[in-house]
Amino acid sequence: ETPHEFGERLRAQLPEAAGELDALTESYVAAAYAPAEPSREEGRRAR
């Protein structure tokens, strides 16, 4: 599973947290695959 595919499955179990789940998945993908390091603000947002 990709992070997005996993997120879709987890979203089905936690529909009330879908927005947070999508946002954290996007943060993870950006941190894992983007050439630049995440900013401190992005880290605070993810936490």
ModelCIF file with pLDDT and N, C-alpha, C, O atoms, coordinates in Angstrom:
data_MODEL
#
_entry.id   MODEL 
#
_entity.id                         1 
_entity.type                       polymer 
_entity.pdbx_number_of_molecules   1 
#
_entity_poly.entity_id                      1 
_entity_poly.type                           'polypeptide(L)' 
_entity_poly.nstd_linkage                   no 
_entity_poly.nstd_monomer                   no 
_entity_poly.pdbx_seq_one_letter_code       ETPHEFGERLRAQLPEAAGELDALTESYVAAAYAPAEPSREEGRRAR 
_entity_poly.pdbx_seq_one_letter_code_can   ETPHEFGERLRAQLPEAAGELDALTESYVAAAYAPAEPSREEGRRAR 
_entity_poly.pdbx_strand_id                 A 
#
loop_
_entity_poly_seq.entity_id 
_entity_poly_seq.num 
_entity_poly_seq.mon_id 
_entity_poly_seq.hetero 
1 1  GLU n 
1 2  THR n 
1 3  PRO n 
1 4  HIS n 
1 5  GLU n 
1 6  PHE n 
1 7  GLY n 
1 8  GLU n 
1 9  ARG n 
1 10 LEU n 
1 11 ARG n 
1 12 ALA n 
1 13 GLN n 
1 14 LEU n 
1 15 PRO n 
1 16 GLU n 
1 17 ALA n 
1 18 ALA n 
1 19 GLY n 
1 20 GLU n 
1 21 LEU n 
1 22 ASP n 
1 23 ALA n 
1 24 LEU n 
1 25 THR n 
1 26 GLU n 
1 27 SER n 
1 28 TYR n 
1 29 VAL n 
1 30 ALA n 
1 31 ALA n 
1 32 ALA n 
1 33 TYR n 
1 34 ALA n 
1 35 PRO n 
1 36 ALA n 
1 37 GLU n 
1 38 PRO n 
1 39 SER n 
1 40 ARG n 
1 41 GLU n 
1 42 GLU n 
1 43 GLY n 
1 44 ARG n 
1 45 ARG n 
1 46 ALA n 
1 47 ARG n 
#
_struct_asym.id          A 
_struct_asym.entity_id   1 
#
loop_
_ma_qa_metric.id 
_ma_qa_metric.mode 
_ma_qa_metric.name 
_ma_qa_metric.software_group_id 
_ma_qa_metric.type 
1 global pLDDT . pLDDT 
2 local  pLDDT . pLDDT 
#
_ma_qa_metric_global.metric_id      1 
_ma_qa_metric_global.metric_value   93.98 
_ma_qa_metric_global.model_id       1 
_ma_qa_metric_global.ordinal_id     1 
#
loop_
_ma_qa_metric_local.label_asym_id 
_ma_qa_metric_local.label_comp_id 
_ma_qa_metric_local.label_seq_id 
_ma_qa_metric_local.metric_id 
_ma_qa_metric_local.metric_value 
_ma_qa_metric_local.model_id 
_ma_qa_metric_local.ordinal_id 
A GLU 1  2 97.00 1 1  
A THR 2  2 97.00 1 2  
A PRO 3  2 97.00 1 3  
A HIS 4  2 96.00 1 4  
A GLU 5  2 97.00 1 5  
A PHE 6  2 97.00 1 6  
A GLY 7  2 95.00 1 7  
A GLU 8  2 95.00 1 8  
A ARG 9  2 95.00 1 9  
A LEU 10 2 95.00 1 10 
A ARG 11 2 94.00 1 11 
A ALA 12 2 92.00 1 12 
A GLN 13 2 91.00 1 13 
A LEU 14 2 93.00 1 14 
A PRO 15 2 93.00 1 15 
A GLU 16 2 93.00 1 16 
A ALA 17 2 93.00 1 17 
A ALA 18 2 94.00 1 18 
A GLY 19 2 95.00 1 19 
A GLU 20 2 95.00 1 20 
A LEU 21 2 95.00 1 21 
A ASP 22 2 96.00 1 22 
A ALA 23 2 96.00 1 23 
A LEU 24 2 96.00 1 24 
A THR 25 2 96.00 1 25 
A GLU 26 2 95.00 1 26 
A SER 27 2 94.00 1 27 
A TYR 28 2 95.00 1 28 
A VAL 29 2 95.00 1 29 
A ALA 30 2 93.00 1 30 
A ALA 31 2 92.00 1 31 
A ALA 32 2 93.00 1 32 
A TYR 33 2 91.00 1 33 
A ALA 34 2 90.00 1 34 
A PRO 35 2 91.00 1 35 
A ALA 36 2 89.00 1 36 
A GLU 37 2 90.00 1 37 
A PRO 38 2 90.00 1 38 
A SER 39 2 92.00 1 39 
A ARG 40 2 94.00 1 40 
A GLU 41 2 95.00 1 41 
A GLU 42 2 94.00 1 42 
A GLY 43 2 93.00 1 43 
A ARG 44 2 95.00 1 44 
A ARG 45 2 95.00 1 45 
A ALA 46 2 94.00 1 46 
A ARG 47 2 94.00 1 47 
#
loop_
_atom_site.group_PDB 
_atom_site.id 
_atom_site.type_symbol 
_atom_site.label_atom_id 
_atom_site.label_alt_id 
_atom_site.label_comp_id 
_atom_site.label_asym_id 
_atom_site.label_entity_id 
_atom_site.label_seq_id 
_atom_site.pdbx_PDB_ins_code 
_atom_site.Cartn_x 
_atom_site.Cartn_y 
_atom_site.Cartn_z 
_atom_site.occupancy 
_atom_site.B_iso_or_equiv 
_atom_site.pdbx_formal_charge 
_atom_site.auth_seq_id 
_atom_site.auth_comp_id 
_atom_site.auth_asym_id 
_atom_site.auth_atom_id 
_atom_site.pdbx_PDB_model_num 
ATOM 1   N N  . GLU A 1 1  ? 0.811   -1.213 0.000  1.00 97.00 ? 1  GLU A N  1 
ATOM 2   C CA . GLU A 1 1  ? 0.000   0.000  0.000  1.00 97.00 ? 1  GLU A CA 1 
ATOM 3   C C  . GLU A 1 1  ? 0.847   1.267  0.000  1.00 97.00 ? 1  GLU A C  1 
ATOM 4   O O  . GLU A 1 1  ? 1.866   1.354  0.685  1.00 97.00 ? 1  GLU A O  1 
ATOM 5   N N  . THR A 1 2  ? 0.410   2.225  -0.769 1.00 97.00 ? 2  THR A N  1 
ATOM 6   C CA . THR A 1 2  ? 1.017   3.554  -0.689 1.00 97.00 ? 2  THR A CA 1 
ATOM 7   C C  . THR A 1 2  ? 0.440   4.246  0.547  1.00 97.00 ? 2  THR A C  1 
ATOM 8   O O  . THR A 1 2  ? -0.569  3.797  1.088  1.00 97.00 ? 2  THR A O  1 
ATOM 9   N N  . PRO A 1 3  ? 1.063   5.325  0.995  1.00 97.00 ? 3  PRO A N  1 
ATOM 10  C CA . PRO A 1 3  ? 0.472   6.068  2.116  1.00 97.00 ? 3  PRO A CA 1 
ATOM 11  C C  . PRO A 1 3  ? -0.959  6.521  1.819  1.00 97.00 ? 3  PRO A C  1 
ATOM 12  O O  . PRO A 1 3  ? -1.808  6.510  2.711  1.00 97.00 ? 3  PRO A O  1 
ATOM 13  N N  . HIS A 1 4  ? -1.228  6.915  0.589  1.00 96.00 ? 4  HIS A N  1 
ATOM 14  C CA . HIS A 1 4  ? -2.583  7.359  0.253  1.00 96.00 ? 4  HIS A CA 1 
ATOM 15  C C  . HIS A 1 4  ? -3.586  6.207  0.268  1.00 96.00 ? 4  HIS A C  1 
ATOM 16  O O  . HIS A 1 4  ? -4.718  6.385  0.719  1.00 96.00 ? 4  HIS A O  1 
ATOM 17  N N  . GLU A 1 5  ? -3.198  5.051  -0.207 1.00 97.00 ? 5  GLU A N  1 
ATOM 18  C CA . GLU A 1 5  ? -4.094  3.890  -0.167 1.00 97.00 ? 5  GLU A CA 1 
ATOM 19  C C  . GLU A 1 5  ? -4.390  3.487  1.272  1.00 97.00 ? 5  GLU A C  1 
ATOM 20  O O  . GLU A 1 5  ? -5.531  3.186  1.621  1.00 97.00 ? 5  GLU A O  1 
ATOM 21  N N  . PHE A 1 6  ? -3.358  3.485  2.096  1.00 97.00 ? 6  PHE A N  1 
ATOM 22  C CA . PHE A 1 6  ? -3.552  3.184  3.507  1.00 97.00 ? 6  PHE A CA 1 
ATOM 23  C C  . PHE A 1 6  ? -4.488  4.214  4.139  1.00 97.00 ? 6  PHE A C  1 
ATOM 24  O O  . PHE A 1 6  ? -5.388  3.856  4.900  1.00 97.00 ? 6  PHE A O  1 
ATOM 25  N N  . GLY A 1 7  ? -4.278  5.473  3.828  1.00 95.00 ? 7  GLY A N  1 
ATOM 26  C CA . GLY A 1 7  ? -5.130  6.529  4.357  1.00 95.00 ? 7  GLY A CA 1 
ATOM 27  C C  . GLY A 1 7  ? -6.596  6.326  4.010  1.00 95.00 ? 7  GLY A C  1 
ATOM 28  O O  . GLY A 1 7  ? -7.475  6.569  4.837  1.00 95.00 ? 7  GLY A O  1 
ATOM 29  N N  . GLU A 1 8  ? -6.855  5.884  2.799  1.00 95.00 ? 8  GLU A N  1 
ATOM 30  C CA . GLU A 1 8  ? -8.241  5.617  2.387  1.00 95.00 ? 8  GLU A CA 1 
ATOM 31  C C  . GLU A 1 8  ? -8.870  4.532  3.247  1.00 95.00 ? 8  GLU A C  1 
ATOM 32  O O  . GLU A 1 8  ? -10.013 4.666  3.683  1.00 95.00 ? 8  GLU A O  1 
ATOM 33  N N  . ARG A 1 9  ? -8.131  3.464  3.490  1.00 95.00 ? 9  ARG A N  1 
ATOM 34  C CA . ARG A 1 9  ? -8.668  2.380  4.331  1.00 95.00 ? 9  ARG A CA 1 
ATOM 35  C C  . ARG A 1 9  ? -8.892  2.847  5.760  1.00 95.00 ? 9  ARG A C  1 
ATOM 36  O O  . ARG A 1 9  ? -9.916  2.534  6.367  1.00 95.00 ? 9  ARG A O  1 
ATOM 37  N N  . LEU A 1 10 ? -7.935  3.595  6.296  1.00 95.00 ? 10 LEU A N  1 
ATOM 38  C CA . LEU A 1 10 ? -8.064  4.066  7.668  1.00 95.00 ? 10 LEU A CA 1 
ATOM 39  C C  . LEU A 1 10 ? -9.187  5.091  7.778  1.00 95.00 ? 10 LEU A C  1 
ATOM 40  O O  . LEU A 1 10 ? -9.895  5.132  8.785  1.00 95.00 ? 10 LEU A O  1 
ATOM 41  N N  . ARG A 1 11 ? -9.351  5.903  6.767  1.00 94.00 ? 11 ARG A N  1 
ATOM 42  C CA . ARG A 1 11 ? -10.432 6.890  6.754  1.00 94.00 ? 11 ARG A CA 1 
ATOM 43  C C  . ARG A 1 11 ? -11.796 6.212  6.902  1.00 94.00 ? 11 ARG A C  1 
ATOM 44  O O  . ARG A 1 11 ? -12.693 6.764  7.538  1.00 94.00 ? 11 ARG A O  1 
ATOM 45  N N  . ALA A 1 12 ? -11.957 5.033  6.327  1.00 92.00 ? 12 ALA A N  1 
ATOM 46  C CA . ALA A 1 12 ? -13.216 4.306  6.451  1.00 92.00 ? 12 ALA A CA 1 
ATOM 47  C C  . ALA A 1 12 ? -13.498 3.938  7.911  1.00 92.00 ? 12 ALA A C  1 
ATOM 48  O O  . ALA A 1 12 ? -14.658 3.851  8.315  1.00 92.00 ? 12 ALA A O  1 
ATOM 49  N N  . GLN A 1 13 ? -12.449 3.724  8.696  1.00 91.00 ? 13 GLN A N  1 
ATOM 50  C CA . GLN A 1 13 ? -12.608 3.378  10.106 1.00 91.00 ? 13 GLN A CA 1 
ATOM 51  C C  . GLN A 1 13 ? -12.743 4.614  10.994 1.00 91.00 ? 13 GLN A C  1 
ATOM 52  O O  . GLN A 1 13 ? -13.338 4.546  12.070 1.00 91.00 ? 13 GLN A O  1 
ATOM 53  N N  . LEU A 1 14 ? -12.200 5.725  10.551 1.00 93.00 ? 14 LEU A N  1 
ATOM 54  C CA . LEU A 1 14 ? -12.190 6.957  11.345 1.00 93.00 ? 14 LEU A CA 1 
ATOM 55  C C  . LEU A 1 14 ? -12.724 8.134  10.527 1.00 93.00 ? 14 LEU A C  1 
ATOM 56  O O  . LEU A 1 14 ? -12.004 9.111  10.319 1.00 93.00 ? 14 LEU A O  1 
ATOM 57  N N  . PRO A 1 15 ? -13.962 8.060  10.065 1.00 93.00 ? 15 PRO A N  1 
ATOM 58  C CA . PRO A 1 15 ? -14.464 9.128  9.202  1.00 93.00 ? 15 PRO A CA 1 
ATOM 59  C C  . PRO A 1 15 ? -14.456 10.497 9.877  1.00 93.00 ? 15 PRO A C  1 
ATOM 60  O O  . PRO A 1 15 ? -14.340 11.519 9.200  1.00 93.00 ? 15 PRO A O  1 
ATOM 61  N N  . GLU A 1 16 ? -14.578 10.528 11.192 1.00 93.00 ? 16 GLU A N  1 
ATOM 62  C CA . GLU A 1 16 ? -14.583 11.803 11.902 1.00 93.00 ? 16 GLU A CA 1 
ATOM 63  C C  . GLU A 1 16 ? -13.224 12.495 11.879 1.00 93.00 ? 16 GLU A C  1 
ATOM 64  O O  . GLU A 1 16 ? -13.130 13.689 12.165 1.00 93.00 ? 16 GLU A O  1 
ATOM 65  N N  . ALA A 1 17 ? -12.179 11.758 11.543 1.00 93.00 ? 17 ALA A N  1 
ATOM 66  C CA . ALA A 1 17 ? -10.825 12.318 11.503 1.00 93.00 ? 17 ALA A CA 1 
ATOM 67  C C  . ALA A 1 17 ? -10.256 12.340 10.087 1.00 93.00 ? 17 ALA A C  1 
ATOM 68  O O  . ALA A 1 17 ? -9.040  12.400 9.905  1.00 93.00 ? 17 ALA A O  1 
ATOM 69  N N  . ALA A 1 18 ? -11.126 12.291 9.094  1.00 94.00 ? 18 ALA A N  1 
ATOM 70  C CA . ALA A 1 18 ? -10.668 12.209 7.705  1.00 94.00 ? 18 ALA A CA 1 
ATOM 71  C C  . ALA A 1 18 ? -9.792  13.396 7.311  1.00 94.00 ? 18 ALA A C  1 
ATOM 72  O O  . ALA A 1 18 ? -8.774  13.216 6.642  1.00 94.00 ? 18 ALA A O  1 
ATOM 73  N N  . GLY A 1 19 ? -10.169 14.584 7.710  1.00 95.00 ? 19 GLY A N  1 
ATOM 74  C CA . GLY A 1 19 ? -9.386  15.768 7.347  1.00 95.00 ? 19 GLY A CA 1 
ATOM 75  C C  . GLY A 1 19 ? -7.984  15.720 7.922  1.00 95.00 ? 19 GLY A C  1 
ATOM 76  O O  . GLY A 1 19 ? -7.012  15.987 7.215  1.00 95.00 ? 19 GLY A O  1 
ATOM 77  N N  . GLU A 1 20 ? -7.869  15.383 9.198  1.00 95.00 ? 20 GLU A N  1 
ATOM 78  C CA . GLU A 1 20 ? -6.564  15.281 9.842  1.00 95.00 ? 20 GLU A CA 1 
ATOM 79  C C  . GLU A 1 20 ? -5.733  14.165 9.218  1.00 95.00 ? 20 GLU A C  1 
ATOM 80  O O  . GLU A 1 20 ? -4.530  14.320 9.006  1.00 95.00 ? 20 GLU A O  1 
ATOM 81  N N  . LEU A 1 21 ? -6.375  13.054 8.929  1.00 95.00 ? 21 LEU A N  1 
ATOM 82  C CA . LEU A 1 21 ? -5.678  11.924 8.321  1.00 95.00 ? 21 LEU A CA 1 
ATOM 83  C C  . LEU A 1 21 ? -5.128  12.289 6.949  1.00 95.00 ? 21 LEU A C  1 
ATOM 84  O O  . LEU A 1 21 ? -3.978  11.983 6.636  1.00 95.00 ? 21 LEU A O  1 
ATOM 85  N N  . ASP A 1 22 ? -5.939  12.937 6.141  1.00 96.00 ? 22 ASP A N  1 
ATOM 86  C CA . ASP A 1 22 ? -5.480  13.360 4.812  1.00 96.00 ? 22 ASP A CA 1 
ATOM 87  C C  . ASP A 1 22 ? -4.316  14.341 4.928  1.00 96.00 ? 22 ASP A C  1 
ATOM 88  O O  . ASP A 1 22 ? -3.330  14.230 4.200  1.00 96.00 ? 22 ASP A O  1 
ATOM 89  N N  . ALA A 1 23 ? -4.436  15.299 5.843  1.00 96.00 ? 23 ALA A N  1 
ATOM 90  C CA . ALA A 1 23 ? -3.386  16.307 6.006  1.00 96.00 ? 23 ALA A CA 1 
ATOM 91  C C  . ALA A 1 23 ? -2.087  15.684 6.512  1.00 96.00 ? 23 ALA A C  1 
ATOM 92  O O  . ALA A 1 23 ? -1.009  16.041 6.037  1.00 96.00 ? 23 ALA A O  1 
ATOM 93  N N  . LEU A 1 24 ? -2.173  14.757 7.468  1.00 96.00 ? 24 LEU A N  1 
ATOM 94  C CA . LEU A 1 24 ? -0.960  14.113 7.978  1.00 96.00 ? 24 LEU A CA 1 
ATOM 95  C C  . LEU A 1 24 ? -0.325  13.236 6.902  1.00 96.00 ? 24 LEU A C  1 
ATOM 96  O O  . LEU A 1 24 ? 0.899   13.180 6.791  1.00 96.00 ? 24 LEU A O  1 
ATOM 97  N N  . THR A 1 25 ? -1.138  12.562 6.122  1.00 96.00 ? 25 THR A N  1 
ATOM 98  C CA . THR A 1 25 ? -0.608  11.754 5.018  1.00 96.00 ? 25 THR A CA 1 
ATOM 99  C C  . THR A 1 25 ? 0.142   12.637 4.031  1.00 96.00 ? 25 THR A C  1 
ATOM 100 O O  . THR A 1 25 ? 1.241   12.293 3.595  1.00 96.00 ? 25 THR A O  1 
ATOM 101 N N  . GLU A 1 26 ? -0.442  13.763 3.682  1.00 95.00 ? 26 GLU A N  1 
ATOM 102 C CA . GLU A 1 26 ? 0.226   14.686 2.754  1.00 95.00 ? 26 GLU A CA 1 
ATOM 103 C C  . GLU A 1 26 ? 1.535   15.200 3.350  1.00 95.00 ? 26 GLU A C  1 
ATOM 104 O O  . GLU A 1 26 ? 2.539   15.303 2.645  1.00 95.00 ? 26 GLU A O  1 
ATOM 105 N N  . SER A 1 27 ? 1.528   15.520 4.634  1.00 94.00 ? 27 SER A N  1 
ATOM 106 C CA . SER A 1 27 ? 2.757   15.978 5.299  1.00 94.00 ? 27 SER A CA 1 
ATOM 107 C C  . SER A 1 27 ? 3.829   14.899 5.259  1.00 94.00 ? 27 SER A C  1 
ATOM 108 O O  . SER A 1 27 ? 4.997   15.183 4.995  1.00 94.00 ? 27 SER A O  1 
ATOM 109 N N  . TYR A 1 28 ? 3.424   13.658 5.524  1.00 95.00 ? 28 TYR A N  1 
ATOM 110 C CA . TYR A 1 28 ? 4.376   12.552 5.501  1.00 95.00 ? 28 TYR A CA 1 
ATOM 111 C C  . TYR A 1 28 ? 4.962   12.370 4.102  1.00 95.00 ? 28 TYR A C  1 
ATOM 112 O O  . TYR A 1 28 ? 6.178   12.248 3.947  1.00 95.00 ? 28 TYR A O  1 
ATOM 113 N N  . VAL A 1 29 ? 4.113   12.350 3.101  1.00 95.00 ? 29 VAL A N  1 
ATOM 114 C CA . VAL A 1 29 ? 4.574   12.152 1.722  1.00 95.00 ? 29 VAL A CA 1 
ATOM 115 C C  . VAL A 1 29 ? 5.551   13.270 1.337  1.00 95.00 ? 29 VAL A C  1 
ATOM 116 O O  . VAL A 1 29 ? 6.594   13.008 0.739  1.00 95.00 ? 29 VAL A O  1 
ATOM 117 N N  . ALA A 1 30 ? 5.214   14.498 1.678  1.00 93.00 ? 30 ALA A N  1 
ATOM 118 C CA . ALA A 1 30 ? 6.106   15.623 1.360  1.00 93.00 ? 30 ALA A CA 1 
ATOM 119 C C  . ALA A 1 30 ? 7.437   15.476 2.091  1.00 93.00 ? 30 ALA A C  1 
ATOM 120 O O  . ALA A 1 30 ? 8.493   15.693 1.497  1.00 93.00 ? 30 ALA A O  1 
ATOM 121 N N  . ALA A 1 31 ? 7.398   15.115 3.360  1.00 92.00 ? 31 ALA A N  1 
ATOM 122 C CA . ALA A 1 31 ? 8.639   14.974 4.137  1.00 92.00 ? 31 ALA A CA 1 
ATOM 123 C C  . ALA A 1 31 ? 9.485   13.811 3.627  1.00 92.00 ? 31 ALA A C  1 
ATOM 124 O O  . ALA A 1 31 ? 10.713  13.896 3.595  1.00 92.00 ? 31 ALA A O  1 
ATOM 125 N N  . ALA A 1 32 ? 8.827   12.731 3.231  1.00 93.00 ? 32 ALA A N  1 
ATOM 126 C CA . ALA A 1 32 ? 9.557   11.537 2.809  1.00 93.00 ? 32 ALA A CA 1 
ATOM 127 C C  . ALA A 1 32 ? 10.136  11.654 1.405  1.00 93.00 ? 32 ALA A C  1 
ATOM 128 O O  . ALA A 1 32 ? 11.197  11.095 1.126  1.00 93.00 ? 32 ALA A O  1 
ATOM 129 N N  . TYR A 1 33 ? 9.455   12.371 0.521  1.00 91.00 ? 33 TYR A N  1 
ATOM 130 C CA . TYR A 1 33 ? 9.844   12.346 -0.882 1.00 91.00 ? 33 TYR A CA 1 
ATOM 131 C C  . TYR A 1 33 ? 10.289  13.679 -1.465 1.00 91.00 ? 33 TYR A C  1 
ATOM 132 O O  . TYR A 1 33 ? 10.850  13.711 -2.561 1.00 91.00 ? 33 TYR A O  1 
ATOM 133 N N  . ALA A 1 34 ? 10.055  14.769 -0.767 1.00 90.00 ? 34 ALA A N  1 
ATOM 134 C CA . ALA A 1 34 ? 10.477  16.076 -1.280 1.00 90.00 ? 34 ALA A CA 1 
ATOM 135 C C  . ALA A 1 34 ? 11.972  16.264 -1.053 1.00 90.00 ? 34 ALA A C  1 
ATOM 136 O O  . ALA A 1 34 ? 12.519  15.744 -0.080 1.00 90.00 ? 34 ALA A O  1 
ATOM 137 N N  . PRO A 1 35 ? 12.629  16.988 -1.924 1.00 91.00 ? 35 PRO A N  1 
ATOM 138 C CA . PRO A 1 35 ? 14.071  17.176 -1.759 1.00 91.00 ? 35 PRO A CA 1 
ATOM 139 C C  . PRO A 1 35 ? 14.436  18.045 -0.550 1.00 91.00 ? 35 PRO A C  1 
ATOM 140 O O  . PRO A 1 35 ? 15.522  17.892 0.010  1.00 91.00 ? 35 PRO A O  1 
ATOM 141 N N  . ALA A 1 36 ? 13.555  18.942 -0.148 1.00 89.00 ? 36 ALA A N  1 
ATOM 142 C CA . ALA A 1 36 ? 13.853  19.836 0.978  1.00 89.00 ? 36 ALA A CA 1 
ATOM 143 C C  . ALA A 1 36 ? 13.353  19.247 2.291  1.00 89.00 ? 36 ALA A C  1 
ATOM 144 O O  . ALA A 1 36 ? 12.363  18.516 2.320  1.00 89.00 ? 36 ALA A O  1 
ATOM 145 N N  . GLU A 1 37 ? 14.040  19.571 3.364  1.00 90.00 ? 37 GLU A N  1 
ATOM 146 C CA . GLU A 1 37 ? 13.609  19.164 4.698  1.00 90.00 ? 37 GLU A CA 1 
ATOM 147 C C  . GLU A 1 37 ? 12.342  19.933 5.072  1.00 90.00 ? 37 GLU A C  1 
ATOM 148 O O  . GLU A 1 37 ? 12.177  21.082 4.662  1.00 90.00 ? 37 GLU A O  1 
ATOM 149 N N  . PRO A 1 38 ? 11.445  19.313 5.847  1.00 90.00 ? 38 PRO A N  1 
ATOM 150 C CA . PRO A 1 38 ? 10.257  20.041 6.294  1.00 90.00 ? 38 PRO A CA 1 
ATOM 151 C C  . PRO A 1 38 ? 10.658  21.196 7.212  1.00 90.00 ? 38 PRO A C  1 
ATOM 152 O O  . PRO A 1 38 ? 11.649  21.108 7.937  1.00 90.00 ? 38 PRO A O  1 
ATOM 153 N N  . SER A 1 39 ? 9.889   22.262 7.174  1.00 92.00 ? 39 SER A N  1 
ATOM 154 C CA . SER A 1 39 ? 10.150  23.408 8.046  1.00 92.00 ? 39 SER A CA 1 
ATOM 155 C C  . SER A 1 39 ? 9.690   23.092 9.467  1.00 92.00 ? 39 SER A C  1 
ATOM 156 O O  . SER A 1 39 ? 8.976   22.118 9.702  1.00 92.00 ? 39 SER A O  1 
ATOM 157 N N  . ARG A 1 40 ? 10.108  23.925 10.399 1.00 94.00 ? 40 ARG A N  1 
ATOM 158 C CA . ARG A 1 40 ? 9.653   23.752 11.788 1.00 94.00 ? 40 ARG A CA 1 
ATOM 159 C C  . ARG A 1 40 ? 8.139   23.896 11.873 1.00 94.00 ? 40 ARG A C  1 
ATOM 160 O O  . ARG A 1 40 ? 7.476   23.169 12.613 1.00 94.00 ? 40 ARG A O  1 
ATOM 161 N N  . GLU A 1 41 ? 7.607   24.830 11.118 1.00 95.00 ? 41 GLU A N  1 
ATOM 162 C CA . GLU A 1 41 ? 6.153   25.029 11.114 1.00 95.00 ? 41 GLU A CA 1 
ATOM 163 C C  . GLU A 1 41 ? 5.437   23.776 10.616 1.00 95.00 ? 41 GLU A C  1 
ATOM 164 O O  . GLU A 1 41 ? 4.418   23.382 11.183 1.00 95.00 ? 41 GLU A O  1 
ATOM 165 N N  . GLU A 1 42 ? 5.955   23.151 9.569  1.00 94.00 ? 42 GLU A N  1 
ATOM 166 C CA . GLU A 1 42 ? 5.358   21.909 9.071  1.00 94.00 ? 42 GLU A CA 1 
ATOM 167 C C  . GLU A 1 42 ? 5.434   20.817 10.129 1.00 94.00 ? 42 GLU A C  1 
ATOM 168 O O  . GLU A 1 42 ? 4.498   20.031 10.278 1.00 94.00 ? 42 GLU A O  1 
ATOM 169 N N  . GLY A 1 43 ? 6.540   20.762 10.863 1.00 93.00 ? 43 GLY A N  1 
ATOM 170 C CA . GLY A 1 43 ? 6.680   19.793 11.946 1.00 93.00 ? 43 GLY A CA 1 
ATOM 171 C C  . GLY A 1 43 ? 5.668   20.035 13.054 1.00 93.00 ? 43 GLY A C  1 
ATOM 172 O O  . GLY A 1 43 ? 5.064   19.087 13.557 1.00 93.00 ? 43 GLY A O  1 
ATOM 173 N N  . ARG A 1 44 ? 5.474   21.291 13.440 1.00 95.00 ? 44 ARG A N  1 
ATOM 174 C CA . ARG A 1 44 ? 4.478   21.620 14.468 1.00 95.00 ? 44 ARG A CA 1 
ATOM 175 C C  . ARG A 1 44 ? 3.073   21.248 14.001 1.00 95.00 ? 44 ARG A C  1 
ATOM 176 O O  . ARG A 1 44 ? 2.268   20.716 14.765 1.00 95.00 ? 44 ARG A O  1 
ATOM 177 N N  . ARG A 1 45 ? 2.802   21.535 12.751 1.00 95.00 ? 45 ARG A N  1 
ATOM 178 C CA . ARG A 1 45 ? 1.482   21.204 12.200 1.00 95.00 ? 45 ARG A CA 1 
ATOM 179 C C  . ARG A 1 45 ? 1.253   19.693 12.223 1.00 95.00 ? 45 ARG A C  1 
ATOM 180 O O  . ARG A 1 45 ? 0.174   19.235 12.599 1.00 95.00 ? 45 ARG A O  1 
ATOM 181 N N  . ALA A 1 46 ? 2.248   18.930 11.828 1.00 94.00 ? 46 ALA A N  1 
ATOM 182 C CA . ALA A 1 46 ? 2.125   17.468 11.820 1.00 94.00 ? 46 ALA A CA 1 
ATOM 183 C C  . ALA A 1 46 ? 1.916   16.933 13.239 1.00 94.00 ? 46 ALA A C  1 
ATOM 184 O O  . ALA A 1 46 ? 1.121   16.015 13.443 1.00 94.00 ? 46 ALA A O  1 
ATOM 185 N N  . ARG A 1 47 ? 2.619   17.496 14.213 1.00 94.00 ? 47 ARG A N  1 
ATOM 186 C CA . ARG A 1 47 ? 2.435   17.043 15.604 1.00 94.00 ? 47 ARG A CA 1 
ATOM 187 C C  . ARG A 1 47 ? 1.019   17.340 16.093 1.00 94.00 ? 47 ARG A C  1 
ATOM 188 O O  . ARG A 1 47 ? 0.683   17.030 17.236 1.00 94.00 ? 47 ARG A O  1 
#
